[in-house]
Amino acid sequence: MRNILSRICFIVAIAASAFGACQSQFAIMAADANSNQQIMRDRWFYVSYNLTDESGTDGVVNLIERAGRVNLNGMLWSAPWDRADEWSNEEIARFERIKSAADASGVEIIPILWSIGYGTMTGRNPNLAEGLAIRDLPLVVHDGRARFTPSSKADFACNMEAWQENALANLRGFQDRVGKSSFCDREIFHSGEASLRFEDMESDPHGHGRVMWELTLEPERLYRASIWIKVDDFIGRPLVQAYSMSGNQLSAQSLHAKADANGKISFDWRKAEVQFRTPADGKVRIYAGVWDGKSGKVWLDDLNVESVGLVNPLQRPGAPMTVTSADGATEYERGKDWTLPEFKVAPWKTDAPSVSLIIPKGSRISDGETILVDYYYPPLVGAPQIGTCMSEPEVYEFFEKSAAAVVKLLNPQKWFLSMDEIRCANTCEACHARGESLAAILADCITKQRAIIKNVRPDAEIYIWSDMLDPNHNAHADYYACEGDYSGVWDLIPKDLIISCWWYEMREKSMEFFSSRGFKTQGAAYYDTDNLDGCADWLELCKRTPNCLGIMYTTWQRKYDLLEGFGELVKPINP
């Protein structure tokens, strides 16, 4: 009997164990399903449209309907939300059409707004641009005006006339693949008798066809570099750039043209130019030519580098202008000794003219005197782009106005902060006066943006691009024209922000970095490739990242051919 009871107990124990194992396995499966549902909560696509015409509205409505049919449920919409309080009746009508289509298709509209890195609110007031200090600019006074007088010749010029076979003579720098992809051309030129021609760039691993000059110029002064470019049956990026010796980009400009059916562009001689402020040592590198070249020919001629005067002086409290005597002993008083004529800052213009100061009667400044001017200039860096000062109170007043208007128009539950690629920051007096780190200034700006949104929509969920918060990406020192270090900003921002990671090559490190610190995340995938392989990689990572809420079809080139395939790829287990 004891043996029988023992057997019964043993069988019951095994059954209980098996039942417990089944319960455990079921719980794991349920957790996986719930986890997938949570990951797939946000299935978004990105759209950029400024409400400018009916055909554009039709296109967005069509995209929304396509997305809805494949269970995509969110549209991250880049629109003029910064000035939503100023929309015209026509813009509002187009918006209402898009909103109605989104409601009918079950697609949530998420506004993306307030891009400090790309000049938010400078359309309302261009003086809100971040500025770099220009020091000791000499102006000469004559007949009641103080003007910048450029030298009779350029500070540096290369007319592509001196050669040693296919190599530019006396080049202080380098020339890519001399005699292989770069050549002296004595048949096609802009002026003189020769030019520099690049071809067969596709045989280079990076598609490079570049020439670079190392120059020493006046420190902390404004210069303009220009070069003439011609292209034929070309695929790639023709541009001119200025860099510091440490590798920070000072400015860049790319030339664009409409491509033919094969994606190739051709144009005759066109002038490309950049304005840049020299570093404290005055040393710069000027690059011109081709990046990502895949076909065709490119010609360069007539490089010219010259100093320019009082261009785009910012007029705001945190970017003051001072005028002194040539020896620096006397500071002259604004309004009494000198004034600025009325003008409008045009930070996007690389050819903005130099402004002259007005010297009124009774001024202590004498005719014929040379005076020195310190002022702040808004640089074009990166894309190119201008930055907005994060320390001027007026910026946040505009944020409040636009937030109130967005709530009135849309009342979104989800918002997205467009705080990526902030390439000029902490350089003006308003920022320096705070005595805070660059990381603290950025974190304070983001915290204020969050508070403004929460004030008008307390239950708002707020997303933000990852790069300026990620040490694996842009959150570090020596970033473009920024002064200071972004490191540590991740510990200073609100923990309820949802971080949208977007750099494919660094996706593993970035997602783990934010997830391990308690942030919810999102994968911003796609980026205009020819297939969805990268999206599949992102999806696999999202599935194993704790607190990842979703994934997005992110296109800058408005390529939506793979939208339906993306929807099928990311659909949840139980849609």
Protein backbone atom coordinates (compact mmCIF):
# COMPACT_ATOMS: atom_id res chain seq x y z
CA MET A 1 0.00 0.00 0.00
CA ARG A 2 2.82 2.36 0.90
CA ASN A 3 4.40 1.56 -2.50
CA ILE A 4 1.13 2.31 -4.33
CA LEU A 5 0.71 5.60 -2.44
CA SER A 6 4.28 6.50 -3.28
CA ARG A 7 3.64 5.85 -6.95
CA ILE A 8 0.45 7.95 -6.86
CA CYS A 9 2.27 10.84 -5.17
CA PHE A 10 5.08 10.56 -7.71
CA ILE A 11 2.62 10.70 -10.64
CA VAL A 12 0.79 13.67 -9.08
CA ALA A 13 4.09 15.47 -8.57
CA ILE A 14 5.10 14.92 -12.21
CA ALA A 15 1.71 16.15 -13.40
CA ALA A 16 1.94 19.21 -11.20
CA SER A 17 5.42 19.87 -12.48
CA ALA A 18 4.30 19.47 -16.07
CA PHE A 19 1.29 21.74 -15.47
CA GLY A 20 3.58 24.33 -13.91
CA ALA A 21 5.95 24.08 -16.86
CA CYS A 22 3.04 24.52 -19.26
CA GLN A 23 1.85 27.53 -17.29
CA SER A 24 5.36 28.95 -17.39
CA GLN A 25 5.70 28.32 -21.14
CA PHE A 26 2.26 29.83 -21.76
CA ALA A 27 3.25 32.87 -19.72
CA ILE A 28 6.41 33.26 -21.80
CA MET A 29 4.43 32.95 -25.03
CA ALA A 30 1.87 35.45 -23.77
CA ALA A 31 4.63 37.80 -22.72
CA ASP A 32 6.22 37.48 -26.16
CA ALA A 33 2.89 38.24 -27.81
CA ASN A 34 2.25 41.18 -25.52
CA SER A 35 5.79 42.34 -26.04
CA ASN A 36 5.30 42.22 -29.81
CA GLN A 37 2.05 44.11 -29.48
CA GLN A 38 3.84 46.76 -27.42
CA ILE A 39 6.70 46.95 -29.93
CA MET A 40 4.20 47.28 -32.76
CA ARG A 41 2.09 49.87 -30.96
CA ASP A 42 3.59 52.62 -33.15
CA ARG A 43 3.78 51.74 -36.84
CA TRP A 44 4.58 55.06 -38.46
CA PHE A 45 5.65 56.62 -41.71
CA TYR A 46 7.27 60.03 -42.24
CA VAL A 47 5.89 62.80 -44.48
CA SER A 48 7.16 66.30 -45.23
CA TYR A 49 4.59 68.68 -46.76
CA ASN A 50 4.12 72.41 -46.20
CA LEU A 51 0.45 72.84 -47.20
CA THR A 52 1.45 74.90 -50.22
CA ASP A 53 -0.77 73.42 -52.96
CA GLU A 54 -3.69 71.11 -53.66
CA SER A 55 -1.64 68.54 -55.57
CA GLY A 56 0.58 68.09 -52.51
CA THR A 57 -2.48 67.64 -50.34
CA ASP A 58 -3.80 64.99 -52.73
CA GLY A 59 -0.46 63.19 -52.47
CA VAL A 60 -0.50 63.13 -48.66
CA VAL A 61 -4.12 61.93 -48.60
CA ASN A 62 -3.16 59.12 -50.98
CA LEU A 63 -0.25 58.10 -48.74
CA ILE A 64 -2.51 58.05 -45.68
CA GLU A 65 -5.02 55.80 -47.43
CA ARG A 66 -2.25 53.44 -48.59
CA ALA A 67 -0.77 53.32 -45.10
CA GLY A 68 -4.12 52.62 -43.47
CA ARG A 69 -4.71 49.63 -45.73
CA VAL A 70 -1.53 47.94 -44.44
CA ASN A 71 -2.15 48.68 -40.76
CA LEU A 72 0.29 51.57 -40.38
CA ASN A 73 -1.23 53.75 -37.69
CA GLY A 74 0.85 56.93 -37.43
CA MET A 75 2.12 59.70 -39.71
CA LEU A 76 5.03 61.76 -38.43
CA TRP A 77 4.26 64.96 -40.29
CA SER A 78 6.83 67.68 -40.91
CA ALA A 79 4.70 70.75 -41.62
CA PRO A 80 5.05 74.45 -40.70
CA TRP A 81 3.94 73.76 -37.12
CA ASP A 82 6.35 76.41 -35.80
CA ARG A 83 4.07 79.09 -37.21
CA ALA A 84 0.78 77.20 -36.87
CA ASP A 85 -0.76 80.29 -35.26
CA GLU A 86 -0.19 82.15 -38.55
CA TRP A 87 -1.63 79.62 -41.03
CA SER A 88 -3.74 81.08 -43.79
CA ASN A 89 -7.31 79.95 -44.44
CA GLU A 90 -6.04 78.00 -47.44
CA GLU A 91 -3.45 76.17 -45.33
CA ILE A 92 -6.05 75.36 -42.68
CA ALA A 93 -8.43 73.98 -45.33
CA ARG A 94 -5.71 71.70 -46.72
CA PHE A 95 -4.83 70.60 -43.21
CA GLU A 96 -8.48 69.72 -42.51
CA ARG A 97 -8.59 67.55 -45.64
CA ILE A 98 -5.51 65.65 -44.49
CA LYS A 99 -6.82 65.30 -40.94
CA SER A 100 -10.16 63.93 -42.19
CA ALA A 101 -8.37 61.36 -44.34
CA ALA A 102 -6.20 60.34 -41.39
CA ASP A 103 -9.22 59.93 -39.11
CA ALA A 104 -10.99 57.81 -41.72
CA SER A 105 -7.94 55.57 -42.21
CA GLY A 106 -7.11 55.14 -38.53
CA VAL A 107 -3.80 56.98 -38.94
CA GLU A 108 -2.73 59.21 -36.06
CA ILE A 109 -1.01 62.48 -37.00
CA ILE A 110 2.12 63.26 -34.98
CA PRO A 111 3.52 66.79 -35.45
CA ILE A 112 7.30 67.21 -35.54
CA LEU A 113 8.42 70.69 -34.58
CA TRP A 114 10.97 73.09 -33.01
CA SER A 115 14.21 72.22 -34.75
CA ILE A 116 16.93 74.19 -32.98
CA GLY A 117 19.53 72.71 -35.34
CA TYR A 118 17.70 73.90 -38.44
CA GLY A 119 16.77 77.40 -37.37
CA THR A 120 13.38 77.11 -35.68
CA MET A 121 11.70 80.50 -35.21
CA THR A 122 14.30 82.37 -37.28
CA GLY A 123 11.55 82.78 -39.87
CA ARG A 124 9.75 84.94 -37.31
CA ASN A 125 12.91 86.70 -36.18
CA PRO A 126 16.18 85.94 -38.01
CA ASN A 127 18.13 87.55 -35.15
CA LEU A 128 17.35 84.48 -33.05
CA ALA A 129 20.01 82.57 -34.98
CA GLU A 130 23.01 81.36 -33.00
CA GLY A 131 26.07 83.47 -33.73
CA LEU A 132 29.84 83.17 -33.93
CA ALA A 133 32.00 86.08 -32.78
CA ILE A 134 33.81 88.09 -35.46
CA ARG A 135 36.67 90.02 -33.86
CA ASP A 136 38.48 93.25 -34.76
CA LEU A 137 36.89 93.86 -38.15
CA PRO A 138 38.46 97.09 -39.47
CA LEU A 139 36.13 99.73 -40.94
CA VAL A 140 37.31 103.02 -42.39
CA VAL A 141 35.25 106.20 -41.85
CA HIS A 142 34.54 108.51 -44.78
CA ASP A 143 31.71 111.03 -45.28
CA GLY A 144 29.64 109.81 -42.34
CA ARG A 145 29.97 106.09 -43.12
CA ALA A 146 32.25 103.40 -41.75
CA ARG A 147 32.86 100.79 -44.46
CA PHE A 148 34.82 97.63 -44.88
CA THR A 149 37.41 98.05 -47.60
CA PRO A 150 38.57 94.74 -49.05
CA SER A 151 42.10 94.42 -50.34
CA SER A 152 42.68 94.97 -54.04
CA LYS A 153 43.34 91.28 -54.55
CA ALA A 154 41.92 88.08 -53.10
CA ASP A 155 43.42 86.69 -49.92
CA PHE A 156 44.02 83.52 -51.92
CA ALA A 157 43.29 82.47 -55.50
CA CYS A 158 43.96 79.46 -57.69
CA ASN A 159 43.02 79.90 -61.35
CA MET A 160 44.07 76.35 -62.32
CA GLU A 161 46.68 77.63 -64.78
CA ALA A 162 49.90 76.18 -63.28
CA TRP A 163 50.40 72.43 -63.75
CA GLN A 164 52.97 69.69 -63.52
CA GLU A 165 51.43 67.30 -66.06
CA ASN A 166 48.08 66.39 -64.39
CA ALA A 167 48.93 67.75 -60.94
CA LEU A 168 48.19 71.31 -59.83
CA ALA A 169 51.51 73.03 -59.21
CA ASN A 170 52.41 74.40 -55.77
CA LEU A 171 49.33 72.87 -54.18
CA ARG A 172 49.27 73.22 -50.41
CA GLY A 173 47.01 70.25 -49.78
CA PHE A 174 46.09 67.28 -51.98
CA GLN A 175 44.46 66.28 -55.25
CA ASP A 176 42.66 62.93 -55.52
CA ARG A 177 44.12 60.26 -57.84
CA VAL A 178 46.27 62.42 -60.09
CA GLY A 179 46.30 61.06 -63.65
CA LYS A 180 43.73 58.38 -62.76
CA SER A 181 40.55 60.34 -62.04
CA SER A 182 41.85 63.95 -61.95
CA PHE A 183 43.38 65.67 -64.97
CA CYS A 184 44.47 68.98 -66.42
CA ASP A 185 41.92 69.97 -69.09
CA ARG A 186 43.10 72.54 -71.66
CA GLU A 187 39.99 72.33 -73.83
CA ILE A 188 37.21 73.10 -71.31
CA PHE A 189 37.70 75.90 -68.74
CA HIS A 190 35.87 78.79 -67.10
CA SER A 191 38.64 81.31 -67.67
CA GLY A 192 42.27 81.32 -68.73
CA GLU A 193 43.53 78.24 -70.54
CA ALA A 194 42.94 75.25 -68.24
CA SER A 195 40.70 73.67 -65.59
CA LEU A 196 40.77 70.65 -63.28
CA ARG A 197 38.66 67.73 -64.55
CA PHE A 198 37.46 64.73 -62.55
CA GLU A 199 36.08 61.54 -64.10
CA ASP A 200 35.86 57.83 -63.30
CA MET A 201 35.10 58.68 -59.66
CA GLU A 202 33.15 55.43 -59.34
CA SER A 203 36.42 53.51 -59.32
CA ASP A 204 37.28 55.16 -56.00
CA PRO A 205 35.81 53.32 -52.95
CA HIS A 206 34.19 56.56 -51.74
CA GLY A 207 33.41 58.11 -55.10
CA HIS A 208 35.85 60.91 -54.32
CA GLY A 209 37.13 63.49 -56.77
CA ARG A 210 38.45 66.28 -54.54
CA VAL A 211 41.08 68.93 -54.30
CA MET A 212 42.07 70.60 -51.00
CA TRP A 213 44.02 73.72 -50.11
CA GLU A 214 45.46 74.49 -46.64
CA LEU A 215 45.43 78.22 -45.90
CA THR A 216 46.38 80.56 -43.05
CA LEU A 217 44.04 83.57 -42.84
CA GLU A 218 43.19 86.26 -40.30
CA PRO A 219 41.81 84.63 -37.11
CA GLU A 220 38.14 84.96 -36.12
CA ARG A 221 37.22 86.81 -39.28
CA LEU A 222 34.60 86.19 -41.94
CA TYR A 223 35.65 84.89 -45.38
CA ARG A 224 33.96 83.83 -48.58
CA ALA A 225 35.35 81.01 -50.73
CA SER A 226 33.99 80.53 -54.26
CA ILE A 227 34.75 78.17 -57.11
CA TRP A 228 33.21 77.55 -60.54
CA ILE A 229 31.87 74.06 -61.27
CA LYS A 230 30.59 72.37 -64.43
CA VAL A 231 29.15 68.83 -64.63
CA ASP A 232 28.14 66.46 -67.44
CA ASP A 233 26.07 63.23 -67.12
CA PHE A 234 26.94 63.27 -63.44
CA ILE A 235 25.71 61.35 -60.41
CA GLY A 236 27.14 62.45 -57.06
CA ARG A 237 27.54 65.53 -54.87
CA PRO A 238 29.45 68.52 -56.28
CA LEU A 239 30.28 70.92 -53.46
CA VAL A 240 32.70 73.26 -51.75
CA GLN A 241 33.48 73.02 -48.02
CA ALA A 242 35.58 74.78 -45.39
CA TYR A 243 37.08 72.90 -42.43
CA SER A 244 39.25 73.73 -39.45
CA MET A 245 42.54 71.91 -39.09
CA SER A 246 40.98 69.78 -36.33
CA GLY A 247 38.37 68.49 -38.80
CA ASN A 248 35.32 70.53 -37.80
CA GLN A 249 33.23 71.65 -40.75
CA LEU A 250 32.94 75.44 -40.89
CA SER A 251 30.56 75.66 -43.85
CA ALA A 252 29.49 73.84 -47.01
CA GLN A 253 27.45 74.36 -50.17
CA SER A 254 26.29 71.77 -52.68
CA LEU A 255 25.05 72.51 -56.19
CA HIS A 256 21.80 70.89 -57.28
CA ALA A 257 20.04 70.41 -60.61
CA LYS A 258 17.11 68.44 -61.97
CA ALA A 259 18.16 64.92 -62.88
CA ASP A 260 17.24 63.10 -66.08
CA ALA A 261 15.47 59.73 -66.23
CA ASN A 262 18.74 57.99 -65.33
CA GLY A 263 19.36 60.17 -62.28
CA LYS A 264 22.14 62.14 -64.00
CA ILE A 265 22.61 65.90 -63.94
CA SER A 266 24.36 68.29 -66.31
CA PHE A 267 24.91 72.03 -66.09
CA ASP A 268 27.30 74.61 -67.46
CA TRP A 269 29.62 76.69 -65.29
CA ARG A 270 28.00 77.65 -61.98
CA LYS A 271 29.46 79.40 -58.97
CA ALA A 272 29.49 77.60 -55.61
CA GLU A 273 30.45 79.57 -52.54
CA VAL A 274 30.60 79.35 -48.77
CA GLN A 275 31.01 81.91 -46.01
CA PHE A 276 32.90 80.85 -42.92
CA ARG A 277 34.51 82.25 -39.82
CA THR A 278 38.13 81.31 -39.32
CA PRO A 279 39.16 79.58 -36.06
CA ALA A 280 41.36 81.28 -33.47
CA ASP A 281 44.51 80.05 -35.26
CA GLY A 282 43.29 81.27 -38.66
CA LYS A 283 44.08 77.94 -40.30
CA VAL A 284 41.52 76.36 -42.64
CA ARG A 285 41.18 73.72 -45.31
CA ILE A 286 39.14 74.45 -48.42
CA TYR A 287 37.77 71.36 -50.20
CA ALA A 288 36.07 71.35 -53.60
CA GLY A 289 34.97 68.61 -55.95
CA VAL A 290 32.94 65.41 -55.75
CA TRP A 291 31.70 63.12 -53.00
CA ASP A 292 29.79 59.89 -53.77
CA GLY A 293 30.57 60.20 -57.47
CA LYS A 294 29.07 57.39 -59.54
CA SER A 295 29.32 58.58 -63.15
CA GLY A 296 30.08 61.49 -65.46
CA LYS A 297 32.60 64.33 -65.47
CA VAL A 298 33.14 67.39 -63.28
CA TRP A 299 35.27 70.47 -63.97
CA LEU A 300 36.59 72.98 -61.40
CA ASP A 301 38.10 76.41 -62.07
CA ASP A 302 38.89 79.76 -60.47
CA LEU A 303 38.98 79.27 -56.72
CA ASN A 304 38.82 82.60 -54.88
CA VAL A 305 39.05 83.20 -51.11
CA GLU A 306 38.50 86.74 -49.80
CA SER A 307 37.68 88.45 -46.53
CA VAL A 308 34.27 90.10 -46.25
CA GLY A 309 32.97 92.83 -44.01
CA LEU A 310 30.09 93.48 -41.66
CA VAL A 311 27.76 90.78 -42.99
CA ASN A 312 24.52 89.78 -41.24
CA PRO A 313 25.37 91.28 -37.82
CA LEU A 314 22.87 89.77 -35.37
CA GLN A 315 20.77 92.27 -33.43
CA ARG A 316 19.64 90.76 -30.15
CA PRO A 317 20.63 91.21 -26.48
CA GLY A 318 22.70 88.04 -26.39
CA ALA A 319 24.70 88.93 -29.50
CA PRO A 320 25.99 92.47 -28.87
CA MET A 321 28.04 94.62 -31.21
CA THR A 322 30.90 96.76 -29.94
CA VAL A 323 32.91 99.46 -31.73
CA THR A 324 36.32 100.66 -30.52
CA SER A 325 39.20 102.79 -31.68
CA ALA A 326 41.97 101.07 -33.63
CA ASP A 327 44.11 100.79 -30.49
CA GLY A 328 41.17 99.42 -28.47
CA ALA A 329 41.51 102.19 -25.86
CA THR A 330 38.14 103.83 -26.56
CA GLU A 331 34.78 102.09 -26.82
CA TYR A 332 32.32 104.13 -28.83
CA GLU A 333 28.68 104.47 -27.80
CA ARG A 334 25.90 103.13 -29.96
CA GLY A 335 23.32 105.75 -30.86
CA LYS A 336 25.70 108.59 -30.10
CA ASP A 337 28.93 107.72 -31.89
CA TRP A 338 27.56 105.21 -34.39
CA THR A 339 24.34 103.54 -35.53
CA LEU A 340 23.32 100.72 -37.82
CA PRO A 341 21.18 101.49 -40.87
CA GLU A 342 17.93 99.58 -41.14
CA PHE A 343 18.52 96.18 -42.68
CA LYS A 344 17.22 92.63 -42.35
CA VAL A 345 19.44 89.76 -41.30
CA ALA A 346 19.45 87.15 -44.08
CA PRO A 347 21.32 84.20 -42.56
CA TRP A 348 20.65 81.87 -45.50
CA LYS A 349 22.32 84.15 -48.07
CA THR A 350 25.94 83.31 -48.81
CA ASP A 351 26.25 86.52 -50.82
CA ALA A 352 24.65 88.91 -48.30
CA PRO A 353 26.19 92.37 -48.69
CA SER A 354 28.40 94.11 -46.15
CA VAL A 355 26.67 96.71 -43.99
CA SER A 356 28.24 100.12 -43.32
CA LEU A 357 27.86 101.94 -40.02
CA ILE A 358 26.40 105.44 -39.87
CA ILE A 359 28.60 107.99 -38.10
CA PRO A 360 26.29 110.83 -36.97
CA LYS A 361 27.25 114.44 -36.43
CA GLY A 362 28.78 115.01 -33.01
CA SER A 363 30.37 111.54 -32.93
CA ARG A 364 33.75 111.13 -31.30
CA ILE A 365 34.77 109.11 -34.37
CA SER A 366 36.72 111.22 -36.84
CA ASP A 367 36.60 111.15 -40.62
CA GLY A 368 39.42 109.00 -41.97
CA GLU A 369 39.68 107.00 -38.74
CA THR A 370 39.88 103.22 -38.70
CA ILE A 371 37.60 101.61 -36.14
CA LEU A 372 37.35 97.98 -35.02
CA VAL A 373 34.04 96.12 -34.78
CA ASP A 374 33.19 92.97 -32.82
CA TYR A 375 29.88 91.35 -33.75
CA TYR A 376 28.11 87.99 -34.00
CA TYR A 377 27.50 86.33 -37.34
CA PRO A 378 25.02 83.43 -38.01
CA PRO A 379 27.05 80.69 -39.73
CA LEU A 380 25.78 78.25 -42.33
CA VAL A 381 27.09 74.83 -41.33
CA GLY A 382 26.33 71.21 -42.13
CA ALA A 383 23.49 70.65 -44.59
CA PRO A 384 23.94 73.75 -44.79
CA GLN A 385 21.81 74.99 -41.91
CA ILE A 386 21.62 77.70 -39.30
CA GLY A 387 21.06 77.10 -35.60
CA THR A 388 18.75 78.87 -33.17
CA CYS A 389 20.06 80.29 -29.88
CA MET A 390 18.73 78.19 -26.99
CA SER A 391 19.30 81.00 -24.48
CA GLU A 392 17.07 83.78 -25.88
CA PRO A 393 13.71 83.98 -24.03
CA GLU A 394 11.87 85.06 -27.18
CA VAL A 395 12.38 81.59 -28.66
CA TYR A 396 10.28 80.02 -25.90
CA GLU A 397 7.58 82.67 -26.26
CA PHE A 398 7.22 81.59 -29.88
CA PHE A 399 7.16 77.92 -28.79
CA GLU A 400 4.21 78.70 -26.52
CA LYS A 401 2.30 80.37 -29.35
CA SER A 402 2.84 77.50 -31.76
CA ALA A 403 1.99 74.85 -29.13
CA ALA A 404 -1.32 76.55 -28.38
CA ALA A 405 -2.11 76.68 -32.10
CA VAL A 406 -1.19 73.01 -32.64
CA VAL A 407 -3.56 71.99 -29.85
CA LYS A 408 -6.34 74.09 -31.34
CA LEU A 409 -5.84 72.59 -34.80
CA LEU A 410 -4.99 68.99 -33.98
CA ASN A 411 -4.85 68.39 -30.21
CA PRO A 412 -2.36 65.53 -30.71
CA GLN A 413 -1.64 63.05 -27.98
CA LYS A 414 1.81 62.34 -29.42
CA TRP A 415 4.36 65.08 -30.21
CA PHE A 416 7.84 64.86 -31.72
CA LEU A 417 10.73 67.23 -30.95
CA SER A 418 12.90 67.78 -34.04
CA MET A 419 16.05 68.28 -31.95
CA ASP A 420 18.65 66.71 -34.24
CA GLU A 421 22.00 67.88 -35.64
CA ILE A 422 22.46 71.02 -33.51
CA ARG A 423 25.70 72.11 -35.15
CA CYS A 424 26.11 75.63 -33.76
CA ALA A 425 25.43 76.20 -30.07
CA ASN A 426 26.82 77.88 -26.96
CA THR A 427 28.76 80.41 -29.03
CA CYS A 428 27.04 83.74 -28.30
CA GLU A 429 27.13 85.95 -25.22
CA ALA A 430 23.63 84.89 -24.12
CA CYS A 431 24.87 81.30 -23.82
CA HIS A 432 28.25 82.18 -22.28
CA ALA A 433 26.62 84.38 -19.63
CA ARG A 434 24.80 81.35 -18.22
CA GLY A 435 28.05 79.76 -17.08
CA GLU A 436 26.63 76.31 -17.87
CA SER A 437 27.88 73.40 -19.92
CA LEU A 438 26.70 72.81 -23.46
CA ALA A 439 24.97 69.65 -22.21
CA ALA A 440 23.09 71.63 -19.55
CA ILE A 441 21.98 74.26 -22.08
CA LEU A 442 20.60 71.59 -24.43
CA ALA A 443 18.90 69.70 -21.58
CA ASP A 444 17.31 72.91 -20.30
CA CYS A 445 15.94 73.69 -23.77
CA ILE A 446 14.44 70.21 -24.12
CA THR A 447 12.99 70.37 -20.60
CA LYS A 448 11.33 73.71 -21.40
CA GLN A 449 9.93 72.34 -24.66
CA ARG A 450 8.45 69.41 -22.77
CA ALA A 451 6.89 71.72 -20.17
CA ILE A 452 5.32 73.90 -22.88
CA ILE A 453 3.71 70.83 -24.48
CA LYS A 454 2.56 69.41 -21.16
CA ASN A 455 1.00 72.75 -20.28
CA VAL A 456 -1.36 72.53 -23.27
CA ARG A 457 -1.73 68.73 -23.34
CA PRO A 458 -0.91 67.22 -19.91
CA ASP A 459 -1.14 63.60 -21.08
CA ALA A 460 1.11 64.16 -24.11
CA GLU A 461 3.68 61.55 -25.09
CA ILE A 462 6.79 63.30 -26.37
CA TYR A 463 9.28 61.74 -28.79
CA ILE A 464 12.69 63.12 -29.76
CA TRP A 465 15.49 62.26 -32.20
CA SER A 466 18.33 60.38 -30.55
CA ASP A 467 21.52 61.79 -32.02
CA MET A 468 22.11 64.83 -29.79
CA LEU A 469 21.51 62.69 -26.69
CA ASP A 470 23.66 59.72 -27.69
CA PRO A 471 27.44 59.45 -27.04
CA ASN A 472 27.56 56.89 -29.84
CA HIS A 473 26.30 59.56 -32.21
CA ASN A 474 26.51 63.38 -31.83
CA ALA A 475 26.49 63.91 -28.05
CA HIS A 476 30.19 64.69 -27.59
CA ALA A 477 32.69 67.55 -27.73
CA ASP A 478 34.16 69.11 -30.90
CA TYR A 479 30.90 68.95 -32.82
CA TYR A 480 30.90 71.28 -35.83
CA ALA A 481 30.77 74.93 -34.66
CA CYS A 482 29.55 74.16 -31.12
CA GLU A 483 31.53 75.29 -28.09
CA GLY A 484 31.72 72.81 -25.22
CA ASP A 485 30.67 69.22 -24.76
CA TYR A 486 27.27 67.54 -25.14
CA SER A 487 28.43 64.59 -23.02
CA GLY A 488 26.18 63.81 -20.06
CA VAL A 489 23.06 65.42 -21.54
CA TRP A 490 21.36 62.01 -21.33
CA ASP A 491 21.38 62.26 -17.52
CA LEU A 492 19.81 65.74 -17.52
CA ILE A 493 16.72 65.27 -19.68
CA PRO A 494 13.27 64.08 -18.54
CA LYS A 495 13.05 60.29 -18.35
CA ASP A 496 9.60 60.12 -19.93
CA LEU A 497 10.90 61.20 -23.34
CA ILE A 498 10.66 58.52 -26.04
CA ILE A 499 13.93 58.31 -27.95
CA SER A 500 13.78 57.74 -31.70
CA CYS A 501 17.09 56.13 -32.73
CA TRP A 502 17.99 56.56 -36.39
CA TRP A 503 21.63 55.70 -37.18
CA TYR A 504 21.55 52.23 -38.72
CA GLU A 505 25.24 51.40 -38.23
CA MET A 506 25.08 52.30 -34.53
CA ARG A 507 21.59 50.95 -33.83
CA GLU A 508 22.65 48.17 -31.43
CA LYS A 509 24.68 50.47 -29.17
CA SER A 510 22.16 53.31 -29.31
CA MET A 511 19.08 51.27 -28.49
CA GLU A 512 20.86 49.48 -25.64
CA PHE A 513 22.22 52.78 -24.31
CA PHE A 514 18.80 54.37 -23.92
CA SER A 515 16.93 51.23 -22.91
CA SER A 516 19.42 50.47 -20.14
CA ARG A 517 18.79 53.96 -18.74
CA GLY A 518 15.03 53.46 -18.53
CA PHE A 519 13.99 55.34 -21.67
CA LYS A 520 11.34 54.07 -24.03
CA THR A 521 12.59 53.90 -27.61
CA GLN A 522 11.59 53.78 -31.25
CA GLY A 523 13.46 52.58 -34.34
CA ALA A 524 13.54 55.09 -37.20
CA ALA A 525 14.24 52.78 -40.15
CA TYR A 526 14.41 52.80 -43.98
CA TYR A 527 16.15 56.03 -45.23
CA ASP A 528 15.60 55.64 -48.97
CA THR A 529 17.28 52.32 -49.70
CA ASP A 530 16.18 50.02 -52.52
CA ASN A 531 14.90 47.26 -50.24
CA LEU A 532 13.64 46.59 -46.72
CA ASP A 533 16.64 44.63 -45.48
CA GLY A 534 17.64 47.41 -43.10
CA CYS A 535 14.07 47.65 -41.82
CA ALA A 536 14.13 43.93 -41.05
CA ASP A 537 17.34 44.43 -39.08
CA TRP A 538 15.74 47.27 -37.14
CA LEU A 539 12.63 45.21 -36.48
CA GLU A 540 14.64 42.31 -35.08
CA LEU A 541 16.44 44.74 -32.76
CA CYS A 542 13.20 46.41 -31.69
CA LYS A 543 11.71 43.06 -30.74
CA ARG A 544 14.50 42.31 -28.28
CA THR A 545 14.88 45.83 -26.86
CA PRO A 546 12.92 46.37 -23.62
CA ASN A 547 10.39 49.22 -23.82
CA CYS A 548 10.71 49.72 -27.57
CA LEU A 549 7.34 51.11 -28.71
CA GLY A 550 7.57 51.09 -32.46
CA ILE A 551 9.25 51.51 -35.80
CA MET A 552 8.99 54.08 -38.58
CA TYR A 553 9.34 54.22 -42.38
CA THR A 554 11.60 57.27 -42.58
CA THR A 555 12.16 58.78 -46.03
CA TRP A 556 13.81 62.12 -46.79
CA GLN A 557 13.51 61.64 -50.57
CA ARG A 558 9.76 60.94 -50.56
CA LYS A 559 10.30 57.38 -51.75
CA TYR A 560 7.15 55.45 -50.86
CA ASP A 561 7.36 52.49 -53.26
CA LEU A 562 8.08 50.13 -50.36
CA LEU A 563 5.41 51.49 -48.01
CA GLU A 564 3.08 48.51 -48.38
CA GLY A 565 5.95 46.07 -47.96
CA PHE A 566 6.97 47.88 -44.81
CA GLY A 567 3.43 47.62 -43.46
CA GLU A 568 3.40 43.87 -44.04
CA LEU A 569 6.82 43.52 -42.43
CA VAL A 570 5.93 45.30 -39.20
CA LYS A 571 2.33 44.24 -38.74
CA PRO A 572 1.59 43.02 -35.18
CA ILE A 573 0.72 39.40 -34.35
CA ASN A 574 -2.88 40.36 -33.59
CA PRO A 575 -3.64 43.50 -35.58
